[in-house]
Amino acid sequence: MYVYQATAKSKRGGHKFRLASGPPGMTVSDAGLIHWMVPSDIAEPHIDVILCINDPSGREVFQPLHITLMEPEP
């Protein structure tokens, strides 16, 4: 399981996150908590994700993430 808490700062507050691009099964909450059950047969160790952050005024910012997967420790 991959879990990551994204954060954003805004003077107006009230921003929300959404996943603009990512692997199948990855989700992000409005508060920026990313969850993804990494498939056991995944071949590519590098995953690119794009988060979209919206504020109440309608402004959108895109944040790319580059995830490098590692073998789990025994």
Protein backbone atom coordinates (compact mmCIF):
# COMPACT_ATOMS: atom_id res chain seq x y z
CA MET A 1 0.00 0.00 0.00
CA TYR A 2 1.32 3.41 -1.00
CA VAL A 3 0.08 6.26 1.20
CA TYR A 4 1.10 9.91 0.96
CA GLN A 5 -0.35 13.10 2.45
CA ALA A 6 -0.04 15.98 -0.01
CA THR A 7 -0.18 19.49 1.42
CA ALA A 8 -0.86 22.94 0.02
CA LYS A 9 -0.82 26.44 1.46
CA SER A 10 -3.36 29.03 0.47
CA LYS A 11 -4.25 32.41 1.97
CA ARG A 12 -7.90 31.71 1.20
CA GLY A 13 -7.89 28.10 2.45
CA GLY A 14 -10.54 25.60 1.47
CA HIS A 15 -8.52 24.00 -1.29
CA LYS A 16 -9.34 20.52 -2.60
CA PHE A 17 -7.24 17.90 -4.31
CA ARG A 18 -8.08 15.63 -7.21
CA LEU A 19 -6.11 13.15 -9.25
CA ALA A 20 -5.60 14.49 -12.77
CA SER A 21 -3.46 11.54 -13.85
CA GLY A 22 -2.21 8.40 -12.15
CA PRO A 23 -2.21 4.62 -12.19
CA PRO A 24 -5.41 2.57 -12.02
CA GLY A 25 -6.74 2.24 -8.48
CA MET A 26 -4.95 5.31 -7.08
CA THR A 27 -7.24 7.69 -5.20
CA VAL A 28 -6.84 11.07 -3.50
CA SER A 29 -9.19 12.57 -0.93
CA ASP A 30 -10.33 16.22 -1.03
CA ALA A 31 -7.81 16.77 1.79
CA GLY A 32 -4.91 15.34 -0.26
CA LEU A 33 -4.48 11.83 1.18
CA ILE A 34 -3.28 9.54 -1.60
CA HIS A 35 -3.93 5.78 -1.42
CA TRP A 36 -2.82 3.14 -3.90
CA MET A 37 -2.65 -0.61 -3.60
CA VAL A 38 0.47 -1.28 -5.67
CA PRO A 39 -0.06 -4.32 -7.91
CA SER A 40 2.32 -7.17 -7.10
CA ASP A 41 3.05 -7.70 -10.80
CA ILE A 42 3.88 -4.09 -11.64
CA ALA A 43 6.73 -3.97 -14.15
CA GLU A 44 7.60 -0.27 -14.13
CA PRO A 45 9.40 0.99 -10.98
CA HIS A 46 8.67 4.66 -11.80
CA ILE A 47 5.15 6.06 -11.66
CA ASP A 48 4.15 9.57 -12.75
CA VAL A 49 1.17 11.23 -11.07
CA ILE A 50 -0.41 14.65 -11.54
CA LEU A 51 -2.37 16.20 -8.67
CA CYS A 52 -4.73 19.08 -9.25
CA ILE A 53 -5.32 21.53 -6.39
CA ASN A 54 -8.34 23.85 -6.58
CA ASP A 55 -9.17 26.78 -4.30
CA PRO A 56 -12.60 28.34 -3.68
CA SER A 57 -11.96 31.10 -6.25
CA GLY A 58 -11.64 28.47 -9.00
CA ARG A 59 -7.87 28.71 -9.37
CA GLU A 60 -6.23 25.40 -10.36
CA VAL A 61 -2.63 24.36 -9.87
CA PHE A 62 -1.15 21.10 -11.15
CA GLN A 63 1.57 19.32 -9.18
CA PRO A 64 3.51 16.49 -10.82
CA LEU A 65 4.77 13.67 -8.60
CA HIS A 66 7.32 11.07 -9.59
CA ILE A 67 7.08 7.91 -7.47
CA THR A 68 9.91 5.38 -7.41
CA LEU A 69 8.84 1.97 -6.15
CA MET A 70 11.20 -0.12 -4.05
CA GLU A 71 11.11 -3.77 -3.04
CA PRO A 72 9.51 -4.19 0.40
CA GLU A 73 11.80 -5.20 3.24
CA PRO A 74 11.31 -8.77 4.50
